[in-house]
Amino acid sequence: MSRQPLVFLITGCSSGIGRAIAAAAAGAGNRVFATARKPESLAELSGVEPLALDVTDPASIRKATEETLSRAGRIDVLVNNAGYGQMGTVEDLPVAKWREEFDVNVFGTVEMTQAVLPVMRRQRSGTVVMIGSIGGRISYPFGGAYCASKFALEAIADALRLEVRPFGIRVVLLEPGPIHTRFAETAENRAEPFAADPRSPYHAAYTGAFDLFRKETTAGALPPEAVAREVLRAVRSGNPPARILVTAPAKIGALAKRLLPDRLMDFGMRQKFR
């Protein structure tokens, strides 16, 4: 791709990975439309054009996309970053919580992508970046809802990559692994009502699961800027990979999933969560 400035539209920029991507893209001289449900949270993010966006609201998606086009005339890169983690066992989590998780992580991503693809098709160029997870390859106890949403992104990215290639559009899925953000803290807070309920048959197991989750999300963790660097590298590449694993734990986990039988993977999980 040429080295001219690109127009980025990035979801979920109030903190963490999305914020780092927005800062890095703007720092590299690109035009960046950074979005958040509360745009005031972007006040200290320099070099970007803040927009309000709730990926669960079709009208909000349409407005943010149209505003970006009216100001910049094109969209070169869509980064689908908005998402969160919902912990809790498959049995404990009410279906409403599953729907909320999929509304943001999956349907928000799909609807955002659908809004931008007609623009990229007219341009005959563009890159759609999806922020997935190693949890989209390896599911773990107490993380079924979150992992299911990220497994869904894997399938969506694979289908989309082939569908839009004839239009000059690339699709890249990042599987970061542990990153220094508030992800684990937020996920634990969301699961606390279920963990605190003595009627849950898993009540005693939640404490150990939380402890392990904190450890797993910090061991080998990198700052969110590491993900931002990979995004910029992929966007500028003439032939970016379909998937990018960022941290060492993500790479090790992906290799183990590919090489080890399910029984051995299950055994390893049982040892961790016993």
C-alpha atoms as a PDB file:
ATOM      1  CA  MET A   1       0.000   0.000   0.000  1.00  0.00           C
ATOM      2  CA  SER A   2       1.096   3.586  -0.533  1.00  0.00           C
ATOM      3  CA  ARG A   3       2.500   5.592   2.326  1.00  0.00           C
ATOM      4  CA  GLN A   4      -0.091   8.353   2.069  1.00  0.00           C
ATOM      5  CA  PRO A   5      -2.083   9.055   5.247  1.00  0.00           C
ATOM      6  CA  LEU A   6      -4.963   6.665   5.779  1.00  0.00           C
ATOM      7  CA  VAL A   7      -8.391   7.289   7.277  1.00  0.00           C
ATOM      8  CA  PHE A   8      -9.013   5.096  10.322  1.00  0.00           C
ATOM      9  CA  LEU A   9     -12.356   4.466  12.019  1.00  0.00           C
ATOM     10  CA  ILE A  10     -11.742   2.730  15.352  1.00  0.00           C
ATOM     11  CA  THR A  11     -14.314   1.457  17.844  1.00  0.00           C
ATOM     12  CA  GLY A  12     -13.856   1.246  21.615  1.00  0.00           C
ATOM     13  CA  CYS A  13     -11.150   3.888  22.073  1.00  0.00           C
ATOM     14  CA  SER A  14     -11.900   4.999  25.629  1.00  0.00           C
ATOM     15  CA  SER A  15      -9.134   2.806  27.062  1.00  0.00           C
ATOM     16  CA  GLY A  16      -6.811  -0.123  26.499  1.00  0.00           C
ATOM     17  CA  ILE A  17      -6.112  -1.541  23.061  1.00  0.00           C
ATOM     18  CA  GLY A  18      -8.458   0.750  21.136  1.00  0.00           C
ATOM     19  CA  ARG A  19      -6.954   3.848  22.694  1.00  0.00           C
ATOM     20  CA  ALA A  20      -3.418   2.637  21.925  1.00  0.00           C
ATOM     21  CA  ILE A  21      -4.297   1.911  18.293  1.00  0.00           C
ATOM     22  CA  ALA A  22      -5.860   5.349  17.878  1.00  0.00           C
ATOM     23  CA  ALA A  23      -2.812   7.066  19.387  1.00  0.00           C
ATOM     24  CA  ALA A  24      -0.362   5.066  17.275  1.00  0.00           C
ATOM     25  CA  ALA A  25      -2.288   5.596  14.040  1.00  0.00           C
ATOM     26  CA  ALA A  26      -2.550   9.336  14.661  1.00  0.00           C
ATOM     27  CA  GLY A  27       1.114   9.482  15.673  1.00  0.00           C
ATOM     28  CA  ALA A  28       2.039   7.903  12.344  1.00  0.00           C
ATOM     29  CA  GLY A  29       0.358  10.773  10.506  1.00  0.00           C
ATOM     30  CA  ASN A  30      -2.968   9.166   9.679  1.00  0.00           C
ATOM     31  CA  ARG A  31      -6.402  10.705  10.052  1.00  0.00           C
ATOM     32  CA  VAL A  32      -8.082   8.933  12.948  1.00  0.00           C
ATOM     33  CA  PHE A  33     -11.736   8.926  13.927  1.00  0.00           C
ATOM     34  CA  ALA A  34     -11.677   7.526  17.449  1.00  0.00           C
ATOM     35  CA  THR A  35     -15.002   6.448  18.896  1.00  0.00           C
ATOM     36  CA  ALA A  36     -16.436   5.697  22.312  1.00  0.00           C
ATOM     37  CA  ARG A  37     -19.874   5.540  23.901  1.00  0.00           C
ATOM     38  CA  LYS A  38     -18.821   8.574  25.939  1.00  0.00           C
ATOM     39  CA  PRO A  39     -16.720  10.783  23.624  1.00  0.00           C
ATOM     40  CA  GLU A  40     -15.616  12.918  26.567  1.00  0.00           C
ATOM     41  CA  SER A  41     -13.408   9.966  27.557  1.00  0.00           C
ATOM     42  CA  LEU A  42     -11.329  10.759  24.457  1.00  0.00           C
ATOM     43  CA  ALA A  43     -10.562  14.349  25.491  1.00  0.00           C
ATOM     44  CA  GLU A  44      -6.931  13.620  26.341  1.00  0.00           C
ATOM     45  CA  LEU A  45      -6.306  11.530  23.223  1.00  0.00           C
ATOM     46  CA  SER A  46      -4.408  13.939  20.991  1.00  0.00           C
ATOM     47  CA  GLY A  47      -4.408  14.021  17.228  1.00  0.00           C
ATOM     48  CA  VAL A  48      -7.733  12.249  16.741  1.00  0.00           C
ATOM     49  CA  GLU A  49     -11.247  13.286  15.802  1.00  0.00           C
ATOM     50  CA  PRO A  50     -13.568  11.958  18.529  1.00  0.00           C
ATOM     51  CA  LEU A  51     -16.993  10.562  17.714  1.00  0.00           C
ATOM     52  CA  ALA A  52     -19.782   9.115  19.837  1.00  0.00           C
ATOM     53  CA  LEU A  53     -20.512   5.501  18.953  1.00  0.00           C
ATOM     54  CA  ASP A  54     -22.433   2.702  20.614  1.00  0.00           C
ATOM     55  CA  VAL A  55     -21.942  -0.462  18.548  1.00  0.00           C
ATOM     56  CA  THR A  56     -25.193  -1.923  19.879  1.00  0.00           C
ATOM     57  CA  ASP A  57     -27.196   0.992  18.412  1.00  0.00           C
ATOM     58  CA  PRO A  58     -27.769   0.878  14.618  1.00  0.00           C
ATOM     59  CA  ALA A  59     -28.538   4.601  14.481  1.00  0.00           C
ATOM     60  CA  SER A  60     -25.286   5.381  16.293  1.00  0.00           C
ATOM     61  CA  ILE A  61     -23.317   3.186  13.882  1.00  0.00           C
ATOM     62  CA  ARG A  62     -24.914   4.866  10.883  1.00  0.00           C
ATOM     63  CA  LYS A  63     -24.269   8.351  12.267  1.00  0.00           C
ATOM     64  CA  ALA A  64     -20.581   7.692  13.075  1.00  0.00           C
ATOM     65  CA  THR A  65     -19.966   6.163   9.645  1.00  0.00           C
ATOM     66  CA  GLU A  66     -21.703   9.026   7.827  1.00  0.00           C
ATOM     67  CA  GLU A  67     -19.847  11.619   9.921  1.00  0.00           C
ATOM     68  CA  THR A  68     -16.503  10.026   9.075  1.00  0.00           C
ATOM     69  CA  LEU A  69     -17.364  10.026   5.373  1.00  0.00           C
ATOM     70  CA  SER A  70     -18.639  13.599   5.388  1.00  0.00           C
ATOM     71  CA  ARG A  71     -15.409  14.823   6.953  1.00  0.00           C
ATOM     72  CA  ALA A  72     -12.833  12.602   5.261  1.00  0.00           C
ATOM     73  CA  GLY A  73     -14.543  11.345   2.112  1.00  0.00           C
ATOM     74  CA  ARG A  74     -13.287   7.789   2.571  1.00  0.00           C
ATOM     75  CA  ILE A  75     -12.565   5.057   5.116  1.00  0.00           C
ATOM     76  CA  ASP A  76      -9.372   3.080   4.594  1.00  0.00           C
ATOM     77  CA  VAL A  77      -9.220   1.123   7.839  1.00  0.00           C
ATOM     78  CA  LEU A  78     -11.963  -0.108  10.139  1.00  0.00           C
ATOM     79  CA  VAL A  79     -10.722  -1.430  13.473  1.00  0.00           C
ATOM     80  CA  ASN A  80     -13.406  -3.446  15.264  1.00  0.00           C
ATOM     81  CA  ASN A  81     -12.062  -3.254  18.787  1.00  0.00           C
ATOM     82  CA  ALA A  82     -15.122  -2.599  20.984  1.00  0.00           C
ATOM     83  CA  GLY A  83     -15.761  -5.526  23.296  1.00  0.00           C
ATOM     84  CA  TYR A  84     -15.615  -6.819  26.849  1.00  0.00           C
ATOM     85  CA  GLY A  85     -15.262 -10.043  28.802  1.00  0.00           C
ATOM     86  CA  GLN A  86     -18.125 -11.681  30.690  1.00  0.00           C
ATOM     87  CA  MET A  87     -17.037 -14.329  33.164  1.00  0.00           C
ATOM     88  CA  GLY A  88     -19.354 -16.883  34.706  1.00  0.00           C
ATOM     89  CA  THR A  89     -20.202 -20.535  34.178  1.00  0.00           C
ATOM     90  CA  VAL A  90     -22.426 -21.642  31.325  1.00  0.00           C
ATOM     91  CA  GLU A  91     -25.096 -22.653  33.853  1.00  0.00           C
ATOM     92  CA  ASP A  92     -24.921 -19.529  36.015  1.00  0.00           C
ATOM     93  CA  LEU A  93     -25.033 -16.853  33.326  1.00  0.00           C
ATOM     94  CA  PRO A  94     -28.578 -15.839  32.389  1.00  0.00           C
ATOM     95  CA  VAL A  95     -29.252 -15.898  28.663  1.00  0.00           C
ATOM     96  CA  ALA A  96     -29.662 -12.112  28.818  1.00  0.00           C
ATOM     97  CA  LYS A  97     -25.975 -11.842  29.752  1.00  0.00           C
ATOM     98  CA  TRP A  98     -25.022 -14.045  26.814  1.00  0.00           C
ATOM     99  CA  ARG A  99     -27.044 -11.773  24.532  1.00  0.00           C
ATOM    100  CA  GLU A 100     -25.336  -8.664  25.922  1.00  0.00           C
ATOM    101  CA  GLU A 101     -21.923 -10.213  25.301  1.00  0.00           C
ATOM    102  CA  PHE A 102     -22.786 -11.147  21.734  1.00  0.00           C
ATOM    103  CA  ASP A 103     -24.491  -7.804  21.116  1.00  0.00           C
ATOM    104  CA  VAL A 104     -21.207  -5.973  21.645  1.00  0.00           C
ATOM    105  CA  ASN A 105     -18.529  -8.480  20.667  1.00  0.00           C
ATOM    106  CA  VAL A 106     -20.240 -10.116  17.690  1.00  0.00           C
ATOM    107  CA  PHE A 107     -23.300  -8.286  16.390  1.00  0.00           C
ATOM    108  CA  GLY A 108     -21.703  -4.882  16.973  1.00  0.00           C
ATOM    109  CA  THR A 109     -18.709  -5.995  14.934  1.00  0.00           C
ATOM    110  CA  VAL A 110     -20.918  -7.382  12.156  1.00  0.00           C
ATOM    111  CA  GLU A 111     -23.111  -4.286  11.946  1.00  0.00           C
ATOM    112  CA  MET A 112     -20.129  -1.955  12.028  1.00  0.00           C
ATOM    113  CA  THR A 113     -18.496  -3.931   9.236  1.00  0.00           C
ATOM    114  CA  GLN A 114     -21.685  -3.948   7.174  1.00  0.00           C
ATOM    115  CA  ALA A 115     -21.855  -0.160   7.477  1.00  0.00           C
ATOM    116  CA  VAL A 116     -18.314   0.362   6.188  1.00  0.00           C
ATOM    117  CA  LEU A 117     -18.020  -2.323   3.500  1.00  0.00           C
ATOM    118  CA  PRO A 118     -20.057  -0.446   0.831  1.00  0.00           C
ATOM    119  CA  VAL A 119     -17.598   2.440   1.203  1.00  0.00           C
ATOM    120  CA  MET A 120     -14.577   0.176   0.806  1.00  0.00           C
ATOM    121  CA  ARG A 121     -16.144  -1.630  -2.152  1.00  0.00           C
ATOM    122  CA  ARG A 122     -16.637   1.692  -3.963  1.00  0.00           C
ATOM    123  CA  GLN A 123     -13.031   2.559  -3.211  1.00  0.00           C
ATOM    124  CA  ARG A 124     -11.882  -0.926  -4.284  1.00  0.00           C
ATOM    125  CA  SER A 125      -9.621  -0.890  -1.244  1.00  0.00           C
ATOM    126  CA  GLY A 126      -9.612  -1.044   2.537  1.00  0.00           C
ATOM    127  CA  THR A 127      -8.655  -3.119   5.550  1.00  0.00           C
ATOM    128  CA  VAL A 128     -10.994  -4.511   8.186  1.00  0.00           C
ATOM    129  CA  VAL A 129      -9.167  -5.311  11.420  1.00  0.00           C
ATOM    130  CA  MET A 130     -10.881  -7.424  14.049  1.00  0.00           C
ATOM    131  CA  ILE A 131      -9.539  -7.628  17.589  1.00  0.00           C
ATOM    132  CA  GLY A 132     -10.140 -11.235  18.536  1.00  0.00           C
ATOM    133  CA  SER A 133      -8.532 -13.290  21.273  1.00  0.00           C
ATOM    134  CA  ILE A 134      -6.614 -16.481  21.885  1.00  0.00           C
ATOM    135  CA  GLY A 135      -9.895 -17.241  23.668  1.00  0.00           C
ATOM    136  CA  GLY A 136     -11.272 -17.599  20.153  1.00  0.00           C
ATOM    137  CA  ARG A 137      -9.162 -20.717  19.772  1.00  0.00           C
ATOM    138  CA  ILE A 138      -9.039 -22.073  23.319  1.00  0.00           C
ATOM    139  CA  SER A 139     -12.069 -21.945  25.607  1.00  0.00           C
ATOM    140  CA  TYR A 140     -11.690 -22.182  29.366  1.00  0.00           C
ATOM    141  CA  PRO A 141     -13.938 -22.742  32.406  1.00  0.00           C
ATOM    142  CA  PHE A 142     -15.876 -19.693  33.588  1.00  0.00           C
ATOM    143  CA  GLY A 143     -15.175 -17.980  30.246  1.00  0.00           C
ATOM    144  CA  GLY A 144     -17.655 -19.722  27.974  1.00  0.00           C
ATOM    145  CA  ALA A 145     -19.642 -16.637  26.965  1.00  0.00           C
ATOM    146  CA  TYR A 146     -16.595 -14.518  26.178  1.00  0.00           C
ATOM    147  CA  CYS A 147     -14.790 -17.313  24.362  1.00  0.00           C
ATOM    148  CA  ALA A 148     -17.921 -18.155  22.367  1.00  0.00           C
ATOM    149  CA  SER A 149     -18.090 -14.562  21.154  1.00  0.00           C
ATOM    150  CA  LYS A 150     -14.443 -14.677  20.087  1.00  0.00           C
ATOM    151  CA  PHE A 151     -14.851 -18.096  18.430  1.00  0.00           C
ATOM    152  CA  ALA A 152     -17.639 -16.446  16.421  1.00  0.00           C
ATOM    153  CA  LEU A 153     -15.271 -13.696  15.271  1.00  0.00           C
ATOM    154  CA  GLU A 154     -12.891 -16.365  13.969  1.00  0.00           C
ATOM    155  CA  ALA A 155     -15.613 -17.780  11.708  1.00  0.00           C
ATOM    156  CA  ILE A 156     -16.813 -14.344  10.617  1.00  0.00           C
ATOM    157  CA  ALA A 157     -13.280 -13.218   9.731  1.00  0.00           C
ATOM    158  CA  ASP A 158     -12.597 -16.381   7.728  1.00  0.00           C
ATOM    159  CA  ALA A 159     -15.795 -16.012   5.697  1.00  0.00           C
ATOM    160  CA  LEU A 160     -15.429 -12.262   5.223  1.00  0.00           C
ATOM    161  CA  ARG A 161     -11.792 -12.485   4.129  1.00  0.00           C
ATOM    162  CA  LEU A 162     -12.757 -14.617   1.135  1.00  0.00           C
ATOM    163  CA  GLU A 163     -15.956 -12.717   0.337  1.00  0.00           C
ATOM    164  CA  VAL A 164     -14.388  -9.264   0.054  1.00  0.00           C
ATOM    165  CA  ARG A 165     -11.042 -10.125  -1.517  1.00  0.00           C
ATOM    166  CA  PRO A 166     -12.384  -9.572  -5.074  1.00  0.00           C
ATOM    167  CA  PHE A 167     -13.124  -5.961  -4.064  1.00  0.00           C
ATOM    168  CA  GLY A 168      -9.564  -5.264  -2.924  1.00  0.00           C
ATOM    169  CA  ILE A 169     -10.497  -5.411   0.773  1.00  0.00           C
ATOM    170  CA  ARG A 170      -8.307  -7.247   3.292  1.00  0.00           C
ATOM    171  CA  VAL A 171      -9.415  -8.753   6.602  1.00  0.00           C
ATOM    172  CA  VAL A 172      -7.012  -9.268   9.499  1.00  0.00           C
ATOM    173  CA  LEU A 173      -7.806 -10.890  12.850  1.00  0.00           C
ATOM    174  CA  LEU A 174      -5.568 -10.186  15.845  1.00  0.00           C
ATOM    175  CA  GLU A 175      -5.340 -12.618  18.754  1.00  0.00           C
ATOM    176  CA  PRO A 176      -3.387 -10.562  21.299  1.00  0.00           C
ATOM    177  CA  GLY A 177      -3.122 -12.841  24.324  1.00  0.00           C
ATOM    178  CA  PRO A 178      -2.468 -11.182  27.709  1.00  0.00           C
ATOM    179  CA  ILE A 179      -2.275  -7.385  27.468  1.00  0.00           C
ATOM    180  CA  HIS A 180      -1.905  -4.893  30.318  1.00  0.00           C
ATOM    181  CA  THR A 181      -5.425  -3.423  30.402  1.00  0.00           C
ATOM    182  CA  ARG A 182      -8.381  -3.432  32.811  1.00  0.00           C
ATOM    183  CA  PHE A 183      -9.906  -6.401  30.970  1.00  0.00           C
ATOM    184  CA  ALA A 184      -9.503  -8.910  33.830  1.00  0.00           C
ATOM    185  CA  GLU A 185     -10.744  -6.444  36.452  1.00  0.00           C
ATOM    186  CA  THR A 186     -13.826  -5.601  34.402  1.00  0.00           C
ATOM    187  CA  ALA A 187     -14.588  -9.263  33.679  1.00  0.00           C
ATOM    188  CA  GLU A 188     -14.289 -10.166  37.349  1.00  0.00           C
ATOM    189  CA  ASN A 189     -16.578  -7.311  38.388  1.00  0.00           C
ATOM    190  CA  ARG A 190     -19.195  -8.465  35.906  1.00  0.00           C
ATOM    191  CA  ALA A 191     -19.070 -11.997  37.304  1.00  0.00           C
ATOM    192  CA  GLU A 192     -19.109 -11.008  40.973  1.00  0.00           C
ATOM    193  CA  PRO A 193     -22.920 -11.269  41.421  1.00  0.00           C
ATOM    194  CA  PHE A 194     -22.796 -14.895  40.305  1.00  0.00           C
ATOM    195  CA  ALA A 195     -19.669 -15.695  42.289  1.00  0.00           C
ATOM    196  CA  ALA A 196     -21.233 -14.221  45.449  1.00  0.00           C
ATOM    197  CA  ASP A 197     -24.428 -16.238  45.147  1.00  0.00           C
ATOM    198  CA  PRO A 198     -24.194 -19.158  47.620  1.00  0.00           C
ATOM    199  CA  ARG A 199     -26.902 -20.977  45.665  1.00  0.00           C
ATOM    200  CA  SER A 200     -24.549 -21.443  42.724  1.00  0.00           C
ATOM    201  CA  PRO A 201     -23.182 -25.000  42.549  1.00  0.00           C
ATOM    202  CA  TYR A 202     -19.905 -23.380  41.456  1.00  0.00           C
ATOM    203  CA  HIS A 203     -19.807 -20.862  44.313  1.00  0.00           C
ATOM    204  CA  ALA A 204     -16.653 -22.260  45.936  1.00  0.00           C
ATOM    205  CA  ALA A 205     -14.814 -22.543  42.626  1.00  0.00           C
ATOM    206  CA  TYR A 206     -15.133 -18.898  41.599  1.00  0.00           C
ATOM    207  CA  THR A 207     -12.414 -17.617  43.946  1.00  0.00           C
ATOM    208  CA  GLY A 208      -9.826 -19.943  42.465  1.00  0.00           C
ATOM    209  CA  ALA A 209     -11.016 -19.139  38.950  1.00  0.00           C
ATOM    210  CA  PHE A 210     -10.630 -15.409  39.583  1.00  0.00           C
ATOM    211  CA  ASP A 211      -7.129 -15.897  40.993  1.00  0.00           C
ATOM    212  CA  LEU A 212      -6.096 -17.983  37.998  1.00  0.00           C
ATOM    213  CA  PHE A 213      -7.673 -15.548  35.545  1.00  0.00           C
ATOM    214  CA  ARG A 214      -5.692 -12.661  37.035  1.00  0.00           C
ATOM    215  CA  LYS A 215      -2.487 -14.660  36.775  1.00  0.00           C
ATOM    216  CA  GLU A 216      -3.160 -15.823  33.221  1.00  0.00           C
ATOM    217  CA  THR A 217      -3.944 -12.291  32.031  1.00  0.00           C
ATOM    218  CA  THR A 218      -0.740 -10.831  33.475  1.00  0.00           C
ATOM    219  CA  ALA A 219       1.867 -13.559  32.863  1.00  0.00           C
ATOM    220  CA  GLY A 220       3.770 -12.636  29.727  1.00  0.00           C
ATOM    221  CA  ALA A 221       1.532  -9.618  29.179  1.00  0.00           C
ATOM    222  CA  LEU A 222       2.590  -6.787  26.899  1.00  0.00           C
ATOM    223  CA  PRO A 223       1.371  -3.173  26.836  1.00  0.00           C
ATOM    224  CA  PRO A 224      -1.492  -2.343  24.463  1.00  0.00           C
ATOM    225  CA  GLU A 225       0.989  -0.463  22.272  1.00  0.00           C
ATOM    226  CA  ALA A 226       2.294  -3.875  21.166  1.00  0.00           C
ATOM    227  CA  VAL A 227      -1.092  -4.611  19.592  1.00  0.00           C
ATOM    228  CA  ALA A 228      -1.158  -1.148  18.010  1.00  0.00           C
ATOM    229  CA  ARG A 229       2.209  -1.790  16.345  1.00  0.00           C
ATOM    230  CA  GLU A 230       0.926  -5.030  14.844  1.00  0.00           C
ATOM    231  CA  VAL A 231      -2.193  -3.304  13.543  1.00  0.00           C
ATOM    232  CA  LEU A 232      -0.181  -0.584  11.800  1.00  0.00           C
ATOM    233  CA  ARG A 233       2.214  -3.150  10.353  1.00  0.00           C
ATOM    234  CA  ALA A 234      -0.670  -5.220   8.976  1.00  0.00           C
ATOM    235  CA  VAL A 235      -2.458  -2.202   7.527  1.00  0.00           C
ATOM    236  CA  ARG A 236       0.684  -1.075   5.707  1.00  0.00           C
ATOM    237  CA  SER A 237       1.539  -4.570   4.468  1.00  0.00           C
ATOM    238  CA  GLY A 238       0.828  -5.479   0.878  1.00  0.00           C
ATOM    239  CA  ASN A 239      -0.146  -8.978   1.947  1.00  0.00           C
ATOM    240  CA  PRO A 240      -1.035  -9.092   5.659  1.00  0.00           C
ATOM    241  CA  PRO A 241      -1.510 -12.441   7.411  1.00  0.00           C
ATOM    242  CA  ALA A 242      -5.028 -13.657   8.128  1.00  0.00           C
ATOM    243  CA  ARG A 243      -4.228 -13.967  11.850  1.00  0.00           C
ATOM    244  CA  ILE A 244      -1.682 -12.271  14.066  1.00  0.00           C
ATOM    245  CA  LEU A 245      -0.696 -13.620  17.480  1.00  0.00           C
ATOM    246  CA  VAL A 246       0.879 -10.872  19.564  1.00  0.00           C
ATOM    247  CA  THR A 247       2.213 -12.229  22.872  1.00  0.00           C
ATOM    248  CA  ALA A 248       4.297 -15.309  23.650  1.00  0.00           C
ATOM    249  CA  PRO A 249       1.488 -16.941  25.700  1.00  0.00           C
ATOM    250  CA  ALA A 250      -0.869 -16.538  22.729  1.00  0.00           C
ATOM    251  CA  LYS A 251       1.650 -18.154  20.391  1.00  0.00           C
ATOM    252  CA  ILE A 252       2.294 -21.020  22.794  1.00  0.00           C
ATOM    253  CA  GLY A 253      -1.421 -21.559  23.344  1.00  0.00           C
ATOM    254  CA  ALA A 254      -2.153 -21.616  19.615  1.00  0.00           C
ATOM    255  CA  LEU A 255       0.641 -24.130  19.036  1.00  0.00           C
ATOM    256  CA  ALA A 256      -0.611 -26.358  21.852  1.00  0.00           C
ATOM    257  CA  LYS A 257      -4.147 -26.249  20.484  1.00  0.00           C
ATOM    258  CA  ARG A 258      -2.913 -27.288  17.068  1.00  0.00           C
ATOM    259  CA  LEU A 259      -0.682 -30.120  18.253  1.00  0.00           C
ATOM    260  CA  LEU A 260      -2.314 -31.602  21.348  1.00  0.00           C
ATOM    261  CA  PRO A 261      -5.397 -33.831  21.411  1.00  0.00           C
ATOM    262  CA  ASP A 262      -8.492 -32.572  23.214  1.00  0.00           C
ATOM    263  CA  ARG A 263      -8.033 -34.999  26.102  1.00  0.00           C
ATOM    264  CA  LEU A 264      -4.579 -33.596  26.819  1.00  0.00           C
ATOM    265  CA  MET A 265      -5.807 -30.013  26.538  1.00  0.00           C
ATOM    266  CA  ASP A 266      -8.665 -30.864  28.921  1.00  0.00           C
ATOM    267  CA  PHE A 267      -6.210 -32.447  31.342  1.00  0.00           C
ATOM    268  CA  GLY A 268      -4.126 -29.276  31.358  1.00  0.00           C
ATOM    269  CA  MET A 269      -7.194 -27.140  31.999  1.00  0.00           C
ATOM    270  CA  ARG A 270      -8.317 -29.397  34.849  1.00  0.00           C
ATOM    271  CA  GLN A 271      -4.904 -29.052  36.484  1.00  0.00           C
ATOM    272  CA  LYS A 272      -5.152 -25.278  36.342  1.00  0.00           C
ATOM    273  CA  PHE A 273      -8.715 -25.049  37.610  1.00  0.00           C
ATOM    274  CA  ARG A 274      -8.697 -27.798  40.253  1.00  0.00           C
END
